[in-house]
């Protein structure tokens, strides 16, 4: 049992270390604790009720019951790492890694050392290398989206859209919001989603549009 607990801490800690280095919401300690917690739940399910089985013949032994609750219950931790900001979802990979280390803890607790080690290697390779491979492989097809908020009373929506078209930018979507200030001055706020081909063009757009008087926010 001691070996299994320490092995779960080591394997899950390695996955958490990668998340910690890349400054994700759930890092080294979170992954380690999830893995060790899952491991001891598995150990309790396997060995914790043995005395009751010896005393009571009618007690049914189901070692899969507690692990099933671990798998379903770990979702609240994963949900805590997912952030939705400005129509962009972040943290899904970290949430998935928490779910994986819960499984690592369970299979380590049951004594499946080889699958646990192999899974850790596969997870680390996917987290470390696949992201860079994806950026390299899909660089020509990958587009980024920026959001620009224009808040000016005299600016019409047609003028705003023409502003992007004149610079060769493709407008993906837009929203318009009517607002009224404390001094009864009315204005419209436009939120424009524009497709950007690469990071260099994104930086150029940031610099160019931030100098315009009508642009209140760009991100």
C-alpha atoms as a PDB file:
ATOM      1  CA  UNK A   1       0.000   0.000   0.000  1.00  0.00           C
ATOM      2  CA  UNK A   2       2.839   2.377   0.813  1.00  0.00           C
ATOM      3  CA  UNK A   3       4.485   1.712  -2.543  1.00  0.00           C
ATOM      4  CA  UNK A   4       1.231   2.364  -4.362  1.00  0.00           C
ATOM      5  CA  UNK A   5       0.615   5.657  -2.567  1.00  0.00           C
ATOM      6  CA  UNK A   6       4.129   6.935  -3.284  1.00  0.00           C
ATOM      7  CA  UNK A   7       3.975   5.780  -6.904  1.00  0.00           C
ATOM      8  CA  UNK A   8       0.635   7.577  -7.364  1.00  0.00           C
ATOM      9  CA  UNK A   9       2.157  10.730  -5.880  1.00  0.00           C
ATOM     10  CA  UNK A  10       5.151  10.476  -8.231  1.00  0.00           C
ATOM     11  CA  UNK A  11       3.230   9.814 -11.443  1.00  0.00           C
ATOM     12  CA  UNK A  12       0.455  12.330 -10.821  1.00  0.00           C
ATOM     13  CA  UNK A  13       2.976  14.875  -9.553  1.00  0.00           C
ATOM     14  CA  UNK A  14       4.854  14.649 -12.856  1.00  0.00           C
ATOM     15  CA  UNK A  15       1.703  15.536 -14.778  1.00  0.00           C
ATOM     16  CA  UNK A  16       0.998  18.369 -12.348  1.00  0.00           C
ATOM     17  CA  UNK A  17       4.558  19.640 -12.690  1.00  0.00           C
ATOM     18  CA  UNK A  18       4.044  20.178 -16.408  1.00  0.00           C
ATOM     19  CA  UNK A  19       0.866  22.159 -15.675  1.00  0.00           C
ATOM     20  CA  UNK A  20       2.700  24.155 -12.979  1.00  0.00           C
ATOM     21  CA  UNK A  21       5.577  25.066 -15.300  1.00  0.00           C
ATOM     22  CA  UNK A  22       3.105  26.391 -17.880  1.00  0.00           C
ATOM     23  CA  UNK A  23       1.258  28.373 -15.167  1.00  0.00           C
ATOM     24  CA  UNK A  24      -2.129  26.697 -15.447  1.00  0.00           C
ATOM     25  CA  UNK A  25      -4.807  27.033 -12.728  1.00  0.00           C
ATOM     26  CA  UNK A  26      -4.304  23.506 -11.339  1.00  0.00           C
ATOM     27  CA  UNK A  27      -0.647  22.686 -10.857  1.00  0.00           C
ATOM     28  CA  UNK A  28       1.708  20.312  -9.062  1.00  0.00           C
ATOM     29  CA  UNK A  29       0.006  20.097  -5.672  1.00  0.00           C
ATOM     30  CA  UNK A  30      -3.525  19.801  -7.075  1.00  0.00           C
ATOM     31  CA  UNK A  31      -2.659  16.912  -9.388  1.00  0.00           C
ATOM     32  CA  UNK A  32      -0.623  15.172  -6.704  1.00  0.00           C
ATOM     33  CA  UNK A  33      -3.441  15.426  -4.162  1.00  0.00           C
ATOM     34  CA  UNK A  34      -6.045  14.199  -6.638  1.00  0.00           C
ATOM     35  CA  UNK A  35      -3.876  11.214  -7.548  1.00  0.00           C
ATOM     36  CA  UNK A  36      -3.067  10.258  -3.959  1.00  0.00           C
ATOM     37  CA  UNK A  37      -6.697  10.753  -2.914  1.00  0.00           C
ATOM     38  CA  UNK A  38      -7.896   8.469  -5.710  1.00  0.00           C
ATOM     39  CA  UNK A  39      -5.276   5.904  -4.748  1.00  0.00           C
ATOM     40  CA  UNK A  40      -6.325   5.720  -1.103  1.00  0.00           C
ATOM     41  CA  UNK A  41      -9.982   5.510  -2.155  1.00  0.00           C
ATOM     42  CA  UNK A  42      -9.059   2.498  -4.277  1.00  0.00           C
ATOM     43  CA  UNK A  43      -7.078   0.957  -1.426  1.00  0.00           C
ATOM     44  CA  UNK A  44      -9.970   1.454   0.953  1.00  0.00           C
ATOM     45  CA  UNK A  45     -12.337  -0.136  -1.529  1.00  0.00           C
ATOM     46  CA  UNK A  46     -10.054  -3.173  -1.924  1.00  0.00           C
ATOM     47  CA  UNK A  47      -8.884  -3.740   1.641  1.00  0.00           C
ATOM     48  CA  UNK A  48     -10.858  -1.495   3.964  1.00  0.00           C
ATOM     49  CA  UNK A  49     -13.940  -3.698   4.264  1.00  0.00           C
ATOM     50  CA  UNK A  50     -12.209  -7.054   4.566  1.00  0.00           C
ATOM     51  CA  UNK A  51     -12.883  -7.379   8.330  1.00  0.00           C
ATOM     52  CA  UNK A  52     -16.626  -6.954   7.755  1.00  0.00           C
ATOM     53  CA  UNK A  53     -16.618  -9.674   5.111  1.00  0.00           C
ATOM     54  CA  UNK A  54     -15.081 -12.112   7.588  1.00  0.00           C
ATOM     55  CA  UNK A  55     -17.694 -11.322  10.236  1.00  0.00           C
ATOM     56  CA  UNK A  56     -20.837 -11.044   8.136  1.00  0.00           C
ATOM     57  CA  UNK A  57     -21.359 -13.659   5.435  1.00  0.00           C
ATOM     58  CA  UNK A  58     -24.209 -11.753   3.796  1.00  0.00           C
ATOM     59  CA  UNK A  59     -22.169  -8.620   3.108  1.00  0.00           C
ATOM     60  CA  UNK A  60     -21.586  -8.174  -0.634  1.00  0.00           C
ATOM     61  CA  UNK A  61     -18.138  -7.067  -1.797  1.00  0.00           C
ATOM     62  CA  UNK A  62     -18.121  -4.525  -4.638  1.00  0.00           C
ATOM     63  CA  UNK A  63     -14.658  -2.935  -5.075  1.00  0.00           C
ATOM     64  CA  UNK A  64     -15.847  -0.860  -8.054  1.00  0.00           C
ATOM     65  CA  UNK A  65     -18.430   1.182  -6.159  1.00  0.00           C
ATOM     66  CA  UNK A  66     -16.136   3.740  -4.505  1.00  0.00           C
ATOM     67  CA  UNK A  67     -13.914   4.220  -7.615  1.00  0.00           C
ATOM     68  CA  UNK A  68     -17.031   4.913  -9.695  1.00  0.00           C
ATOM     69  CA  UNK A  69     -17.917   7.787  -7.369  1.00  0.00           C
ATOM     70  CA  UNK A  70     -14.350   9.100  -7.614  1.00  0.00           C
ATOM     71  CA  UNK A  71     -14.556   9.259 -11.409  1.00  0.00           C
ATOM     72  CA  UNK A  72     -17.927  11.011 -11.405  1.00  0.00           C
ATOM     73  CA  UNK A  73     -17.146  13.286  -8.468  1.00  0.00           C
ATOM     74  CA  UNK A  74     -13.831  14.570  -9.779  1.00  0.00           C
ATOM     75  CA  UNK A  75     -15.722  16.708 -12.284  1.00  0.00           C
ATOM     76  CA  UNK A  76     -16.197  19.577  -9.826  1.00  0.00           C
ATOM     77  CA  UNK A  77     -12.432  20.096  -9.654  1.00  0.00           C
ATOM     78  CA  UNK A  78     -12.170  20.060 -13.422  1.00  0.00           C
ATOM     79  CA  UNK A  79     -15.023  22.532 -13.730  1.00  0.00           C
ATOM     80  CA  UNK A  80     -13.170  24.895 -11.402  1.00  0.00           C
ATOM     81  CA  UNK A  81     -10.264  25.116 -13.862  1.00  0.00           C
ATOM     82  CA  UNK A  82     -12.431  25.958 -16.888  1.00  0.00           C
ATOM     83  CA  UNK A  83     -12.746  29.670 -17.561  1.00  0.00           C
ATOM     84  CA  UNK A  84     -15.052  31.283 -20.111  1.00  0.00           C
ATOM     85  CA  UNK A  85     -14.013  34.791 -21.006  1.00  0.00           C
ATOM     86  CA  UNK A  86     -15.147  36.778 -24.003  1.00  0.00           C
ATOM     87  CA  UNK A  87     -16.546  33.684 -25.743  1.00  0.00           C
ATOM     88  CA  UNK A  88     -13.211  31.875 -25.295  1.00  0.00           C
ATOM     89  CA  UNK A  89     -13.038  28.683 -23.255  1.00  0.00           C
ATOM     90  CA  UNK A  90      -9.798  28.036 -21.384  1.00  0.00           C
ATOM     91  CA  UNK A  91      -8.685  25.301 -19.017  1.00  0.00           C
ATOM     92  CA  UNK A  92     -10.196  22.272 -20.742  1.00  0.00           C
ATOM     93  CA  UNK A  93      -6.809  20.537 -21.026  1.00  0.00           C
ATOM     94  CA  UNK A  94      -6.082  21.106 -17.343  1.00  0.00           C
ATOM     95  CA  UNK A  95      -9.534  19.777 -16.447  1.00  0.00           C
ATOM     96  CA  UNK A  96      -8.854  16.691 -18.551  1.00  0.00           C
ATOM     97  CA  UNK A  97      -5.456  16.197 -16.888  1.00  0.00           C
ATOM     98  CA  UNK A  98      -7.114  16.254 -13.449  1.00  0.00           C
ATOM     99  CA  UNK A  99      -9.550  13.599 -14.622  1.00  0.00           C
ATOM    100  CA  UNK A 100      -6.643  11.514 -15.957  1.00  0.00           C
ATOM    101  CA  UNK A 101      -4.624  11.685 -12.727  1.00  0.00           C
ATOM    102  CA  UNK A 102      -7.722  10.532 -10.840  1.00  0.00           C
ATOM    103  CA  UNK A 103      -7.655   7.462 -13.059  1.00  0.00           C
ATOM    104  CA  UNK A 104      -3.904   7.122 -12.501  1.00  0.00           C
ATOM    105  CA  UNK A 105      -4.467   7.077  -8.776  1.00  0.00           C
ATOM    106  CA  UNK A 106      -7.127   4.379  -9.102  1.00  0.00           C
ATOM    107  CA  UNK A 107      -5.116   2.003 -11.278  1.00  0.00           C
ATOM    108  CA  UNK A 108      -2.038   2.540  -9.120  1.00  0.00           C
ATOM    109  CA  UNK A 109      -4.101   1.754  -6.047  1.00  0.00           C
ATOM    110  CA  UNK A 110      -5.279  -1.489  -7.592  1.00  0.00           C
ATOM    111  CA  UNK A 111      -1.668  -2.438  -8.367  1.00  0.00           C
ATOM    112  CA  UNK A 112      -1.590  -1.961 -12.145  1.00  0.00           C
ATOM    113  CA  UNK A 113       1.883  -0.418 -12.166  1.00  0.00           C
ATOM    114  CA  UNK A 114       2.817  -0.908 -15.837  1.00  0.00           C
ATOM    115  CA  UNK A 115      -0.372   0.707 -17.246  1.00  0.00           C
ATOM    116  CA  UNK A 116       0.007   3.565 -14.765  1.00  0.00           C
ATOM    117  CA  UNK A 117       3.582   4.298 -15.840  1.00  0.00           C
ATOM    118  CA  UNK A 118       2.726   3.957 -19.538  1.00  0.00           C
ATOM    119  CA  UNK A 119      -0.263   6.289 -19.154  1.00  0.00           C
ATOM    120  CA  UNK A 120       1.903   8.881 -17.412  1.00  0.00           C
ATOM    121  CA  UNK A 121       4.416   8.795 -20.261  1.00  0.00           C
ATOM    122  CA  UNK A 122       1.656   9.149 -22.869  1.00  0.00           C
ATOM    123  CA  UNK A 123       0.025  12.045 -20.993  1.00  0.00           C
ATOM    124  CA  UNK A 124       3.326  13.905 -20.551  1.00  0.00           C
ATOM    125  CA  UNK A 125       4.226  13.449 -24.207  1.00  0.00           C
ATOM    126  CA  UNK A 126       0.819  14.755 -25.282  1.00  0.00           C
ATOM    127  CA  UNK A 127       0.993  17.777 -22.978  1.00  0.00           C
ATOM    128  CA  UNK A 128       4.572  18.719 -23.783  1.00  0.00           C
ATOM    129  CA  UNK A 129       5.018  17.868 -27.449  1.00  0.00           C
ATOM    130  CA  UNK A 130       1.620  17.661 -29.131  1.00  0.00           C
ATOM    131  CA  UNK A 131       0.849  21.324 -28.515  1.00  0.00           C
ATOM    132  CA  UNK A 132       4.033  22.398 -30.317  1.00  0.00           C
ATOM    133  CA  UNK A 133       3.429  19.840 -33.080  1.00  0.00           C
ATOM    134  CA  UNK A 134      -0.121  21.117 -33.555  1.00  0.00           C
ATOM    135  CA  UNK A 135       1.042  24.717 -33.852  1.00  0.00           C
ATOM    136  CA  UNK A 136       3.689  23.709 -36.401  1.00  0.00           C
ATOM    137  CA  UNK A 137       1.465  21.397 -38.443  1.00  0.00           C
ATOM    138  CA  UNK A 138      -1.612  23.630 -38.584  1.00  0.00           C
ATOM    139  CA  UNK A 139       0.214  26.954 -38.743  1.00  0.00           C
ATOM    140  CA  UNK A 140      -0.974  27.719 -42.282  1.00  0.00           C
ATOM    141  CA  UNK A 141      -4.631  26.937 -41.526  1.00  0.00           C
ATOM    142  CA  UNK A 142      -4.969  28.217 -37.997  1.00  0.00           C
ATOM    143  CA  UNK A 143      -6.658  31.573 -37.494  1.00  0.00           C
ATOM    144  CA  UNK A 144      -7.014  33.638 -34.388  1.00  0.00           C
ATOM    145  CA  UNK A 145      -9.844  35.891 -33.328  1.00  0.00           C
ATOM    146  CA  UNK A 146      -9.514  39.268 -31.685  1.00  0.00           C
ATOM    147  CA  UNK A 147     -12.180  41.409 -30.080  1.00  0.00           C
ATOM    148  CA  UNK A 148     -12.337  45.153 -30.555  1.00  0.00           C
ATOM    149  CA  UNK A 149     -14.720  47.374 -28.624  1.00  0.00           C
ATOM    150  CA  UNK A 150     -15.533  50.694 -30.262  1.00  0.00           C
ATOM    151  CA  UNK A 151     -17.474  53.148 -28.170  1.00  0.00           C
ATOM    152  CA  UNK A 152     -18.240  56.368 -29.942  1.00  0.00           C
ATOM    153  CA  UNK A 153     -21.545  58.148 -30.276  1.00  0.00           C
ATOM    154  CA  UNK A 154     -21.105  59.396 -33.827  1.00  0.00           C
ATOM    155  CA  UNK A 155     -19.776  56.181 -35.336  1.00  0.00           C
ATOM    156  CA  UNK A 156     -22.270  54.067 -37.295  1.00  0.00           C
ATOM    157  CA  UNK A 157     -22.025  50.302 -37.632  1.00  0.00           C
ATOM    158  CA  UNK A 158     -21.431  50.575 -41.381  1.00  0.00           C
ATOM    159  CA  UNK A 159     -18.470  52.906 -40.801  1.00  0.00           C
ATOM    160  CA  UNK A 160     -17.006  50.494 -38.262  1.00  0.00           C
ATOM    161  CA  UNK A 161     -17.307  47.502 -40.603  1.00  0.00           C
ATOM    162  CA  UNK A 162     -15.799  49.497 -43.470  1.00  0.00           C
ATOM    163  CA  UNK A 163     -12.887  50.310 -41.184  1.00  0.00           C
ATOM    164  CA  UNK A 164     -12.003  46.631 -41.033  1.00  0.00           C
ATOM    165  CA  UNK A 165     -12.718  45.915 -44.697  1.00  0.00           C
ATOM    166  CA  UNK A 166     -10.426  48.736 -45.794  1.00  0.00           C
ATOM    167  CA  UNK A 167      -7.573  46.957 -44.003  1.00  0.00           C
ATOM    168  CA  UNK A 168      -8.327  43.583 -45.590  1.00  0.00           C
ATOM    169  CA  UNK A 169      -9.671  42.041 -42.392  1.00  0.00           C
ATOM    170  CA  UNK A 170     -12.556  39.568 -42.487  1.00  0.00           C
ATOM    171  CA  UNK A 171     -15.299  40.292 -39.962  1.00  0.00           C
ATOM    172  CA  UNK A 172     -16.485  37.024 -38.406  1.00  0.00           C
ATOM    173  CA  UNK A 173     -19.177  38.337 -36.076  1.00  0.00           C
ATOM    174  CA  UNK A 174     -20.248  41.494 -34.288  1.00  0.00           C
ATOM    175  CA  UNK A 175     -22.560  42.688 -31.544  1.00  0.00           C
ATOM    176  CA  UNK A 176     -23.982  46.128 -30.869  1.00  0.00           C
ATOM    177  CA  UNK A 177     -24.960  47.491 -27.472  1.00  0.00           C
ATOM    178  CA  UNK A 178     -26.891  50.667 -26.728  1.00  0.00           C
ATOM    179  CA  UNK A 179     -25.814  52.550 -23.629  1.00  0.00           C
ATOM    180  CA  UNK A 180     -26.656  55.794 -21.878  1.00  0.00           C
ATOM    181  CA  UNK A 181     -24.317  57.728 -19.595  1.00  0.00           C
ATOM    182  CA  UNK A 182     -25.146  59.671 -16.455  1.00  0.00           C
ATOM    183  CA  UNK A 183     -25.334  62.962 -18.389  1.00  0.00           C
ATOM    184  CA  UNK A 184     -27.977  61.510 -20.761  1.00  0.00           C
ATOM    185  CA  UNK A 185     -25.468  61.139 -23.606  1.00  0.00           C
ATOM    186  CA  UNK A 186     -26.325  58.131 -25.755  1.00  0.00           C
ATOM    187  CA  UNK A 187     -23.786  55.957 -27.518  1.00  0.00           C
ATOM    188  CA  UNK A 188     -23.339  52.564 -29.155  1.00  0.00           C
ATOM    189  CA  UNK A 189     -20.755  49.996 -28.284  1.00  0.00           C
ATOM    190  CA  UNK A 190     -19.624  47.695 -31.091  1.00  0.00           C
ATOM    191  CA  UNK A 191     -17.873  44.395 -30.467  1.00  0.00           C
ATOM    192  CA  UNK A 192     -16.229  43.011 -33.600  1.00  0.00           C
ATOM    193  CA  UNK A 193     -14.717  39.544 -34.050  1.00  0.00           C
ATOM    194  CA  UNK A 194     -12.041  39.551 -36.741  1.00  0.00           C
ATOM    195  CA  UNK A 195     -10.092  36.580 -38.095  1.00  0.00           C
ATOM    196  CA  UNK A 196      -6.316  36.991 -37.920  1.00  0.00           C
ATOM    197  CA  UNK A 197      -3.979  34.667 -39.849  1.00  0.00           C
ATOM    198  CA  UNK A 198      -0.959  34.726 -37.519  1.00  0.00           C
ATOM    199  CA  UNK A 199       0.514  36.323 -34.412  1.00  0.00           C
ATOM    200  CA  UNK A 200       2.522  38.867 -36.412  1.00  0.00           C
ATOM    201  CA  UNK A 201      -0.598  40.220 -38.078  1.00  0.00           C
ATOM    202  CA  UNK A 202      -2.375  40.177 -34.728  1.00  0.00           C
ATOM    203  CA  UNK A 203       0.323  42.367 -33.167  1.00  0.00           C
ATOM    204  CA  UNK A 204       0.177  44.729 -36.148  1.00  0.00           C
ATOM    205  CA  UNK A 205      -3.594  45.086 -35.804  1.00  0.00           C
ATOM    206  CA  UNK A 206      -3.259  45.721 -32.066  1.00  0.00           C
ATOM    207  CA  UNK A 207      -0.749  48.485 -32.644  1.00  0.00           C
ATOM    208  CA  UNK A 208      -2.662  50.111 -35.501  1.00  0.00           C
ATOM    209  CA  UNK A 209      -6.123  50.055 -33.940  1.00  0.00           C
ATOM    210  CA  UNK A 210      -4.988  51.089 -30.470  1.00  0.00           C
ATOM    211  CA  UNK A 211      -3.912  54.428 -31.949  1.00  0.00           C
ATOM    212  CA  UNK A 212      -7.398  55.167 -33.273  1.00  0.00           C
ATOM    213  CA  UNK A 213      -9.458  57.519 -31.153  1.00  0.00           C
ATOM    214  CA  UNK A 214     -12.658  55.536 -31.551  1.00  0.00           C
ATOM    215  CA  UNK A 215     -11.135  52.297 -30.197  1.00  0.00           C
ATOM    216  CA  UNK A 216     -11.733  52.020 -26.473  1.00  0.00           C
ATOM    217  CA  UNK A 217     -10.529  48.453 -25.949  1.00  0.00           C
ATOM    218  CA  UNK A 218      -8.756  45.782 -27.985  1.00  0.00           C
ATOM    219  CA  UNK A 219      -7.978  42.253 -26.812  1.00  0.00           C
END
